[in-house]
N, C-alpha and C. Protein backbone atom coordinates (compact mmCIF):
# COMPACT_ATOMS: atom_id res chain seq x y z
N UNK A 1 -5.17 2.90 11.21
CA UNK A 1 -5.67 3.15 9.88
C UNK A 1 -5.86 1.81 9.18
N UNK A 2 -6.95 1.68 8.41
CA UNK A 2 -7.19 0.46 7.66
C UNK A 2 -7.89 0.80 6.35
N UNK A 3 -8.02 -0.20 5.51
CA UNK A 3 -8.68 -0.03 4.22
C UNK A 3 -10.12 0.42 4.40
N UNK A 4 -10.72 0.10 5.53
CA UNK A 4 -12.11 0.45 5.79
C UNK A 4 -12.29 1.94 6.11
N UNK A 5 -11.20 2.66 6.29
CA UNK A 5 -11.26 4.10 6.53
C UNK A 5 -11.35 4.89 5.22
N UNK A 6 -11.36 4.18 4.09
CA UNK A 6 -11.37 4.81 2.78
C UNK A 6 -12.48 4.26 1.90
N UNK A 7 -13.02 5.12 1.05
CA UNK A 7 -13.94 4.71 -0.01
C UNK A 7 -13.14 4.58 -1.29
N UNK A 8 -13.22 3.42 -1.94
CA UNK A 8 -12.56 3.24 -3.23
C UNK A 8 -13.41 3.94 -4.29
N UNK A 9 -12.85 4.94 -4.96
CA UNK A 9 -13.60 5.73 -5.93
C UNK A 9 -13.37 5.27 -7.37
N UNK A 10 -12.15 4.87 -7.68
CA UNK A 10 -11.84 4.43 -9.04
C UNK A 10 -10.48 3.74 -9.04
N UNK A 11 -10.32 2.80 -9.95
CA UNK A 11 -9.01 2.19 -10.17
C UNK A 11 -8.27 3.07 -11.15
N UNK A 12 -7.05 3.46 -10.80
CA UNK A 12 -6.27 4.36 -11.64
C UNK A 12 -5.29 3.58 -12.52
N UNK A 13 -4.71 2.51 -11.96
CA UNK A 13 -3.71 1.78 -12.73
C UNK A 13 -3.33 0.47 -12.08
N UNK A 14 -2.59 -0.32 -12.84
CA UNK A 14 -2.12 -1.62 -12.39
C UNK A 14 -0.65 -1.78 -12.72
N UNK A 15 0.04 -2.47 -11.83
CA UNK A 15 1.42 -2.85 -12.08
C UNK A 15 1.51 -4.36 -11.93
N UNK A 16 2.72 -4.89 -12.02
CA UNK A 16 2.91 -6.33 -11.91
C UNK A 16 2.46 -6.86 -10.55
N UNK A 17 2.75 -6.10 -9.49
CA UNK A 17 2.45 -6.58 -8.14
C UNK A 17 1.57 -5.63 -7.34
N UNK A 18 1.04 -4.61 -8.01
CA UNK A 18 0.25 -3.63 -7.27
C UNK A 18 -0.84 -3.03 -8.14
N UNK A 19 -1.78 -2.41 -7.46
CA UNK A 19 -2.84 -1.65 -8.11
C UNK A 19 -2.93 -0.30 -7.42
N UNK A 20 -3.33 0.72 -8.17
CA UNK A 20 -3.46 2.06 -7.60
C UNK A 20 -4.90 2.51 -7.76
N UNK A 21 -5.44 3.07 -6.67
CA UNK A 21 -6.83 3.50 -6.65
C UNK A 21 -6.93 4.96 -6.22
N UNK A 22 -7.94 5.63 -6.72
CA UNK A 22 -8.33 6.93 -6.20
C UNK A 22 -9.26 6.62 -5.04
N UNK A 23 -8.95 7.18 -3.86
CA UNK A 23 -9.74 6.89 -2.66
C UNK A 23 -10.12 8.19 -1.95
N UNK A 24 -11.17 8.11 -1.20
CA UNK A 24 -11.58 9.22 -0.35
C UNK A 24 -11.54 8.76 1.10
N UNK A 25 -10.89 9.54 1.95
CA UNK A 25 -10.85 9.19 3.38
C UNK A 25 -12.20 9.54 3.98
N UNK A 26 -12.84 8.58 4.63
CA UNK A 26 -14.19 8.75 5.16
C UNK A 26 -14.27 9.84 6.22
N UNK A 27 -13.23 9.97 7.03
CA UNK A 27 -13.29 10.90 8.16
C UNK A 27 -13.36 12.36 7.75
N UNK A 28 -12.73 12.72 6.61
CA UNK A 28 -12.69 14.14 6.23
C UNK A 28 -12.93 14.39 4.74
N UNK A 29 -13.14 13.33 3.95
CA UNK A 29 -13.41 13.50 2.53
C UNK A 29 -12.20 13.81 1.67
N UNK A 30 -11.01 13.83 2.25
CA UNK A 30 -9.80 14.11 1.47
C UNK A 30 -9.59 13.01 0.43
N UNK A 31 -9.12 13.40 -0.74
CA UNK A 31 -8.89 12.46 -1.85
C UNK A 31 -7.39 12.15 -1.94
N UNK A 32 -7.08 10.85 -2.09
CA UNK A 32 -5.70 10.39 -2.16
C UNK A 32 -5.57 9.30 -3.22
N UNK A 33 -4.33 8.90 -3.48
CA UNK A 33 -4.05 7.70 -4.24
C UNK A 33 -3.66 6.63 -3.24
N UNK A 34 -4.15 5.42 -3.43
CA UNK A 34 -3.80 4.29 -2.58
C UNK A 34 -3.14 3.24 -3.46
N UNK A 35 -1.88 2.95 -3.18
CA UNK A 35 -1.16 1.90 -3.89
C UNK A 35 -1.22 0.66 -3.03
N UNK A 36 -1.83 -0.39 -3.56
CA UNK A 36 -2.02 -1.64 -2.83
C UNK A 36 -1.04 -2.67 -3.39
N UNK A 37 -0.01 -3.00 -2.59
CA UNK A 37 1.04 -3.92 -3.02
C UNK A 37 0.73 -5.30 -2.44
N UNK A 38 0.58 -6.28 -3.32
CA UNK A 38 0.23 -7.65 -2.92
C UNK A 38 1.48 -8.35 -2.38
N UNK A 39 1.66 -8.31 -1.07
CA UNK A 39 2.88 -8.81 -0.44
C UNK A 39 3.02 -10.33 -0.54
N UNK A 40 1.92 -11.05 -0.56
CA UNK A 40 1.96 -12.52 -0.58
C UNK A 40 2.61 -13.11 -1.81
N UNK A 41 2.57 -12.40 -2.93
CA UNK A 41 3.13 -12.93 -4.18
C UNK A 41 4.55 -12.45 -4.44
N UNK A 42 5.07 -11.61 -3.54
CA UNK A 42 6.40 -11.02 -3.76
C UNK A 42 7.52 -11.90 -3.23
N UNK A 43 8.62 -11.89 -3.94
CA UNK A 43 9.85 -12.51 -3.44
C UNK A 43 10.44 -11.54 -2.41
N UNK A 44 11.41 -12.02 -1.66
CA UNK A 44 11.99 -11.22 -0.57
C UNK A 44 12.53 -9.88 -1.09
N UNK A 45 13.23 -9.89 -2.22
CA UNK A 45 13.81 -8.66 -2.76
C UNK A 45 12.71 -7.67 -3.15
N UNK A 46 11.61 -8.17 -3.70
CA UNK A 46 10.49 -7.30 -4.09
C UNK A 46 9.80 -6.71 -2.86
N UNK A 47 9.73 -7.49 -1.77
CA UNK A 47 9.17 -6.97 -0.52
C UNK A 47 10.05 -5.84 0.01
N UNK A 48 11.36 -6.03 -0.07
CA UNK A 48 12.30 -5.00 0.36
C UNK A 48 12.13 -3.73 -0.49
N UNK A 49 11.91 -3.91 -1.79
CA UNK A 49 11.69 -2.75 -2.67
C UNK A 49 10.44 -1.98 -2.27
N UNK A 50 9.38 -2.70 -1.92
CA UNK A 50 8.13 -2.04 -1.51
C UNK A 50 8.35 -1.22 -0.24
N UNK A 51 9.05 -1.80 0.73
CA UNK A 51 9.33 -1.08 1.97
C UNK A 51 10.31 0.07 1.73
N UNK A 52 11.24 -0.13 0.81
CA UNK A 52 12.20 0.91 0.44
C UNK A 52 11.46 2.12 -0.13
N UNK A 53 10.45 1.88 -0.96
CA UNK A 53 9.66 2.97 -1.54
C UNK A 53 9.01 3.79 -0.44
N UNK A 54 8.46 3.11 0.57
CA UNK A 54 7.81 3.81 1.68
C UNK A 54 8.82 4.67 2.42
N UNK A 55 9.98 4.09 2.74
CA UNK A 55 11.00 4.84 3.48
C UNK A 55 11.46 6.08 2.71
N UNK A 56 11.70 5.92 1.41
CA UNK A 56 12.18 7.06 0.62
C UNK A 56 11.10 8.13 0.52
N UNK A 57 9.87 7.73 0.17
CA UNK A 57 8.79 8.72 0.03
C UNK A 57 8.54 9.45 1.35
N UNK A 58 8.58 8.72 2.46
CA UNK A 58 8.30 9.32 3.76
C UNK A 58 9.37 10.33 4.16
N UNK A 59 10.56 10.20 3.59
CA UNK A 59 11.66 11.10 3.96
C UNK A 59 11.67 12.39 3.15
N UNK A 60 10.75 12.54 2.19
CA UNK A 60 10.76 13.71 1.31
C UNK A 60 9.54 14.58 1.50
N UNK A 61 9.78 15.88 1.38
CA UNK A 61 8.72 16.88 1.26
C UNK A 61 9.22 17.84 0.19
N UNK A 62 8.95 17.49 -1.06
CA UNK A 62 9.47 18.27 -2.19
C UNK A 62 8.36 18.44 -3.21
N UNK A 63 8.21 19.63 -3.79
CA UNK A 63 7.11 19.86 -4.72
C UNK A 63 7.16 19.03 -6.00
N UNK A 64 8.30 18.41 -6.31
CA UNK A 64 8.41 17.62 -7.53
C UNK A 64 8.58 16.13 -7.27
N UNK A 65 8.16 15.71 -6.09
CA UNK A 65 8.13 14.28 -5.73
C UNK A 65 6.77 14.02 -5.09
N UNK A 66 6.11 12.95 -5.53
CA UNK A 66 4.80 12.59 -4.98
C UNK A 66 4.90 12.49 -3.46
N UNK A 67 3.96 13.11 -2.76
CA UNK A 67 3.99 13.19 -1.30
C UNK A 67 3.39 11.95 -0.66
N UNK A 68 4.13 11.37 0.26
CA UNK A 68 3.67 10.23 1.07
C UNK A 68 2.79 10.75 2.19
N UNK A 69 1.71 10.02 2.48
CA UNK A 69 0.81 10.39 3.58
C UNK A 69 0.88 9.38 4.72
N UNK A 70 0.63 8.10 4.43
CA UNK A 70 0.70 7.06 5.48
C UNK A 70 0.76 5.69 4.84
N UNK A 71 1.00 4.70 5.67
CA UNK A 71 1.09 3.31 5.20
C UNK A 71 0.48 2.40 6.26
N UNK A 72 -0.12 1.32 5.81
CA UNK A 72 -0.66 0.30 6.72
C UNK A 72 -0.74 -1.02 5.99
N UNK A 73 -0.89 -2.10 6.75
CA UNK A 73 -1.03 -3.44 6.18
C UNK A 73 -2.50 -3.82 6.22
N UNK A 74 -3.04 -4.19 5.07
CA UNK A 74 -4.40 -4.72 5.00
C UNK A 74 -4.29 -6.23 5.14
N UNK A 75 -4.60 -6.72 6.33
CA UNK A 75 -4.41 -8.14 6.62
C UNK A 75 -5.35 -9.02 5.82
N UNK A 76 -6.55 -8.54 5.49
CA UNK A 76 -7.51 -9.36 4.76
C UNK A 76 -6.99 -9.75 3.37
N UNK A 77 -6.20 -8.88 2.75
CA UNK A 77 -5.64 -9.19 1.43
C UNK A 77 -4.12 -9.36 1.45
N UNK A 78 -3.53 -9.29 2.63
CA UNK A 78 -2.07 -9.35 2.79
C UNK A 78 -1.39 -8.36 1.84
N UNK A 79 -1.89 -7.12 1.89
CA UNK A 79 -1.36 -6.07 1.02
C UNK A 79 -0.83 -4.90 1.84
N UNK A 80 0.29 -4.36 1.37
CA UNK A 80 0.82 -3.12 1.92
C UNK A 80 0.09 -1.99 1.22
N UNK A 81 -0.55 -1.12 1.99
CA UNK A 81 -1.32 -0.01 1.42
C UNK A 81 -0.59 1.29 1.68
N UNK A 82 -0.20 1.95 0.59
CA UNK A 82 0.54 3.21 0.68
C UNK A 82 -0.41 4.33 0.25
N UNK A 83 -0.67 5.25 1.16
CA UNK A 83 -1.52 6.40 0.87
C UNK A 83 -0.61 7.56 0.48
N UNK A 84 -0.91 8.15 -0.67
CA UNK A 84 -0.07 9.24 -1.15
C UNK A 84 -0.92 10.28 -1.88
N UNK A 85 -0.29 11.37 -2.15
CA UNK A 85 -0.93 12.46 -2.90
C UNK A 85 -1.45 11.93 -4.22
N UNK A 86 -2.65 12.36 -4.60
CA UNK A 86 -3.21 12.02 -5.90
C UNK A 86 -2.83 13.10 -6.90
N UNK A 87 -2.18 12.69 -7.96
CA UNK A 87 -1.85 13.61 -9.05
C UNK A 87 -3.02 13.58 -10.03
N UNK A 88 -3.91 14.54 -9.89
CA UNK A 88 -5.16 14.56 -10.66
C UNK A 88 -4.94 14.60 -12.17
N UNK A 89 -3.77 15.09 -12.60
CA UNK A 89 -3.51 15.21 -14.03
C UNK A 89 -3.03 13.93 -14.69
N UNK A 90 -2.95 12.83 -13.92
CA UNK A 90 -2.47 11.57 -14.49
C UNK A 90 -0.97 11.56 -14.65
N UNK A 91 -0.50 10.83 -15.65
CA UNK A 91 0.95 10.77 -15.86
C UNK A 91 1.33 11.36 -17.23
N UNK A 92 2.61 11.60 -17.39
CA UNK A 92 3.11 12.24 -18.60
C UNK A 92 2.90 11.35 -19.83
N UNK A 93 2.97 10.04 -19.67
CA UNK A 93 2.76 9.14 -20.80
C UNK A 93 1.35 9.33 -21.39
N UNK A 94 0.35 9.41 -20.53
CA UNK A 94 -1.02 9.61 -21.01
C UNK A 94 -1.16 10.97 -21.71
N UNK A 95 -0.47 11.97 -21.19
CA UNK A 95 -0.53 13.29 -21.81
C UNK A 95 0.11 13.26 -23.20
N UNK A 96 1.22 12.55 -23.35
CA UNK A 96 1.87 12.41 -24.65
C UNK A 96 0.96 11.65 -25.61
N UNK A 97 0.34 10.56 -25.11
CA UNK A 97 -0.56 9.78 -25.96
C UNK A 97 -1.76 10.62 -26.42
N UNK A 98 -2.27 11.50 -25.55
CA UNK A 98 -3.37 12.38 -25.93
C UNK A 98 -2.95 13.33 -27.05
N UNK A 99 -1.74 13.86 -26.93
CA UNK A 99 -1.24 14.75 -27.99
C UNK A 99 -1.11 13.99 -29.31
N UNK A 100 -0.60 12.75 -29.25
CA UNK A 100 -0.48 11.95 -30.46
C UNK A 100 -1.85 11.71 -31.09
N UNK A 101 -2.78 11.30 -30.26
CA UNK A 101 -4.13 10.98 -30.74
C UNK A 101 -4.80 12.20 -31.37
N UNK A 102 -4.61 13.35 -30.75
CA UNK A 102 -5.23 14.59 -31.25
C UNK A 102 -4.39 15.31 -32.30
N UNK A 103 -3.21 14.73 -32.58
CA UNK A 103 -2.28 15.33 -33.55
C UNK A 103 -1.92 16.77 -33.18
N UNK A 104 -1.67 16.95 -31.89
CA UNK A 104 -1.25 18.26 -31.37
C UNK A 104 0.15 18.13 -30.80
N UNK A 105 0.69 19.25 -30.43
CA UNK A 105 2.05 19.28 -29.89
C UNK A 105 2.06 20.02 -28.56
N UNK A 106 3.06 19.70 -27.76
CA UNK A 106 3.29 20.46 -26.53
C UNK A 106 3.83 21.83 -26.90
N UNK A 107 3.38 22.88 -26.24
CA UNK A 107 4.06 24.17 -26.43
C UNK A 107 5.49 24.07 -25.90
N UNK A 108 6.42 24.74 -26.54
CA UNK A 108 7.82 24.67 -26.11
C UNK A 108 7.97 25.09 -24.65
N UNK A 109 7.21 26.10 -24.22
CA UNK A 109 7.32 26.57 -22.83
C UNK A 109 6.93 25.47 -21.85
N UNK A 110 5.96 24.65 -22.23
CA UNK A 110 5.56 23.54 -21.35
C UNK A 110 6.63 22.45 -21.28
N UNK A 111 7.30 22.21 -22.40
CA UNK A 111 8.39 21.23 -22.43
C UNK A 111 9.51 21.68 -21.49
N UNK A 112 9.85 22.97 -21.57
CA UNK A 112 10.90 23.50 -20.68
C UNK A 112 10.48 23.39 -19.22
N UNK A 113 9.23 23.73 -18.94
CA UNK A 113 8.74 23.67 -17.56
C UNK A 113 8.79 22.23 -17.03
N UNK A 114 8.39 21.27 -17.86
CA UNK A 114 8.46 19.86 -17.47
C UNK A 114 9.90 19.45 -17.19
N UNK A 115 10.81 19.82 -18.10
CA UNK A 115 12.22 19.47 -17.94
C UNK A 115 12.79 20.05 -16.65
N UNK A 116 12.49 21.30 -16.38
CA UNK A 116 13.01 21.96 -15.17
C UNK A 116 12.47 21.28 -13.92
N UNK A 117 11.18 21.00 -13.88
CA UNK A 117 10.59 20.40 -12.68
C UNK A 117 11.05 18.96 -12.46
N UNK A 118 11.16 18.18 -13.54
CA UNK A 118 11.66 16.82 -13.41
C UNK A 118 13.10 16.84 -12.91
N UNK A 119 13.89 17.76 -13.45
CA UNK A 119 15.29 17.90 -13.02
C UNK A 119 15.37 18.28 -11.55
N UNK A 120 14.48 19.16 -11.08
CA UNK A 120 14.46 19.52 -9.66
C UNK A 120 14.15 18.31 -8.78
N UNK A 121 13.19 17.50 -9.21
CA UNK A 121 12.88 16.28 -8.46
C UNK A 121 14.07 15.34 -8.42
N UNK A 122 14.72 15.15 -9.57
CA UNK A 122 15.91 14.28 -9.62
C UNK A 122 17.03 14.83 -8.76
N UNK A 123 17.22 16.14 -8.80
CA UNK A 123 18.28 16.75 -7.98
C UNK A 123 18.00 16.52 -6.50
N UNK A 124 16.75 16.65 -6.09
CA UNK A 124 16.41 16.41 -4.68
C UNK A 124 16.75 14.97 -4.29
N UNK A 125 16.46 14.02 -5.17
CA UNK A 125 16.82 12.62 -4.89
C UNK A 125 18.34 12.46 -4.85
N UNK A 126 19.01 12.99 -5.86
CA UNK A 126 20.47 12.84 -5.95
C UNK A 126 21.19 13.54 -4.81
N UNK A 127 20.65 14.65 -4.33
CA UNK A 127 21.26 15.33 -3.19
C UNK A 127 21.26 14.46 -1.94
N UNK A 128 20.35 13.47 -1.89
CA UNK A 128 20.27 12.53 -0.76
C UNK A 128 20.82 11.16 -1.14
N UNK A 129 21.61 11.13 -2.25
CA UNK A 129 22.25 9.90 -2.73
C UNK A 129 21.26 8.81 -3.09
N UNK A 130 20.15 9.20 -3.73
CA UNK A 130 19.13 8.25 -4.14
C UNK A 130 19.02 8.28 -5.66
N UNK A 131 19.08 7.09 -6.28
CA UNK A 131 18.87 6.95 -7.72
C UNK A 131 17.46 6.44 -7.95
N UNK A 132 16.73 7.05 -8.85
CA UNK A 132 15.34 6.64 -9.12
C UNK A 132 15.31 5.25 -9.77
N UNK A 133 16.09 5.04 -10.80
CA UNK A 133 16.27 3.79 -11.53
C UNK A 133 15.06 3.30 -12.33
N UNK A 134 14.00 4.06 -12.40
CA UNK A 134 12.88 3.67 -13.25
C UNK A 134 12.21 4.93 -13.81
N UNK A 135 13.04 5.87 -14.24
CA UNK A 135 12.53 7.14 -14.75
C UNK A 135 11.99 6.93 -16.16
N UNK A 136 10.70 7.15 -16.31
CA UNK A 136 10.02 7.05 -17.60
C UNK A 136 8.76 7.90 -17.51
N UNK A 137 8.17 8.17 -18.65
CA UNK A 137 7.01 9.06 -18.69
C UNK A 137 5.86 8.57 -17.81
N UNK A 138 5.69 7.26 -17.69
CA UNK A 138 4.61 6.71 -16.87
C UNK A 138 4.84 6.95 -15.37
N UNK A 139 6.07 7.31 -14.98
CA UNK A 139 6.39 7.57 -13.57
C UNK A 139 6.59 9.05 -13.28
N UNK A 140 6.20 9.90 -14.22
CA UNK A 140 6.18 11.35 -14.00
C UNK A 140 4.71 11.75 -13.97
N UNK A 141 4.28 12.32 -12.86
CA UNK A 141 2.87 12.61 -12.64
C UNK A 141 2.59 14.10 -12.70
N UNK A 142 1.36 14.44 -13.06
CA UNK A 142 0.96 15.83 -13.22
C UNK A 142 0.06 16.23 -12.08
N UNK A 143 0.52 17.22 -11.32
CA UNK A 143 -0.24 17.69 -10.17
C UNK A 143 -1.40 18.58 -10.57
N UNK A 144 -2.11 19.05 -9.57
CA UNK A 144 -3.31 19.85 -9.78
C UNK A 144 -3.02 21.23 -10.36
N UNK A 145 -1.82 21.74 -10.11
CA UNK A 145 -1.50 23.11 -10.54
C UNK A 145 -0.40 23.14 -11.60
N UNK A 146 -0.35 22.11 -12.43
CA UNK A 146 0.63 22.08 -13.52
C UNK A 146 2.00 21.62 -13.11
N UNK A 147 2.17 21.14 -11.87
CA UNK A 147 3.49 20.69 -11.46
C UNK A 147 3.74 19.25 -11.92
N UNK A 148 5.00 18.96 -12.20
CA UNK A 148 5.44 17.62 -12.59
C UNK A 148 6.10 17.00 -11.37
N UNK A 149 5.74 15.74 -11.08
CA UNK A 149 6.20 15.08 -9.86
C UNK A 149 6.70 13.68 -10.17
N UNK A 150 7.84 13.32 -9.61
CA UNK A 150 8.36 11.97 -9.77
C UNK A 150 7.65 11.04 -8.79
N UNK A 151 7.36 9.84 -9.25
CA UNK A 151 6.73 8.85 -8.40
C UNK A 151 7.25 7.46 -8.72
N UNK A 152 6.63 6.47 -8.11
CA UNK A 152 6.98 5.05 -8.27
C UNK A 152 8.46 4.84 -7.97
N UNK A 153 8.79 4.98 -6.72
CA UNK A 153 10.18 4.89 -6.27
C UNK A 153 10.56 3.50 -5.77
N UNK A 154 9.80 2.46 -6.15
CA UNK A 154 10.03 1.16 -5.52
C UNK A 154 11.34 0.49 -5.92
N UNK A 155 11.94 0.84 -7.02
CA UNK A 155 13.25 0.26 -7.34
C UNK A 155 14.38 1.27 -7.15
N UNK A 156 14.09 2.36 -6.48
CA UNK A 156 15.12 3.35 -6.18
C UNK A 156 16.21 2.73 -5.31
N UNK A 157 17.37 3.31 -5.40
CA UNK A 157 18.49 2.77 -4.64
C UNK A 157 19.22 3.90 -3.93
N UNK A 158 19.50 3.68 -2.67
CA UNK A 158 20.32 4.61 -1.90
C UNK A 158 21.76 4.23 -2.12
N UNK A 159 22.55 5.22 -2.57
CA UNK A 159 23.96 4.96 -2.83
C UNK A 159 24.73 4.97 -1.53
N UNK A 160 25.50 3.93 -1.34
CA UNK A 160 26.34 3.84 -0.15
C UNK A 160 27.80 3.85 -0.59
N UNK A 161 28.62 4.48 0.17
CA UNK A 161 30.06 4.53 -0.09
C UNK A 161 30.40 5.21 -1.41
N UNK A 162 29.52 6.14 -1.86
CA UNK A 162 29.81 6.93 -3.04
C UNK A 162 29.69 6.22 -4.36
N UNK A 163 29.13 4.98 -4.36
CA UNK A 163 29.06 4.24 -5.59
C UNK A 163 27.79 3.41 -5.66
N UNK A 164 27.23 3.27 -6.84
CA UNK A 164 26.05 2.42 -7.03
C UNK A 164 26.46 1.16 -7.77
N UNK A 165 25.82 0.06 -7.38
CA UNK A 165 26.08 -1.19 -8.11
C UNK A 165 24.80 -2.01 -8.11
N UNK A 166 24.62 -2.77 -9.17
CA UNK A 166 23.47 -3.66 -9.27
C UNK A 166 23.94 -5.02 -9.71
């Protein structure tokens, strides 16, 4: 698998060391999110975090956690490319900002549904001794069918020996 197997459709977002794109796989037209992590500019600990994100995502199949599809290295840009489920609804932060801009409010039932689904995602992580460590509205994504999904697990930590430390 390589970057040439995908059509870049749109840039979705940027982080300090990565960019996320909406992509279409040429072979079957499936739409995904591609997170391109610039490995050349990362310190060793940040490289470990990028690989940690891949390991954690690959180990999960849960409706409230963004689904991992595949990973490869794009040698031309020295970037780690993570292919994952595209959350067509964007993130919760954008949804909140839209409500603010339109001077509208979330229905209470939707707030409860978001809370329940986010909690289910966190419980799935915690059941495997994983702490998210970067839980914020920008890292909660909205799926195609109204589901809330946790993503951006690059600073997550696996608890060893029953205790977390930083």
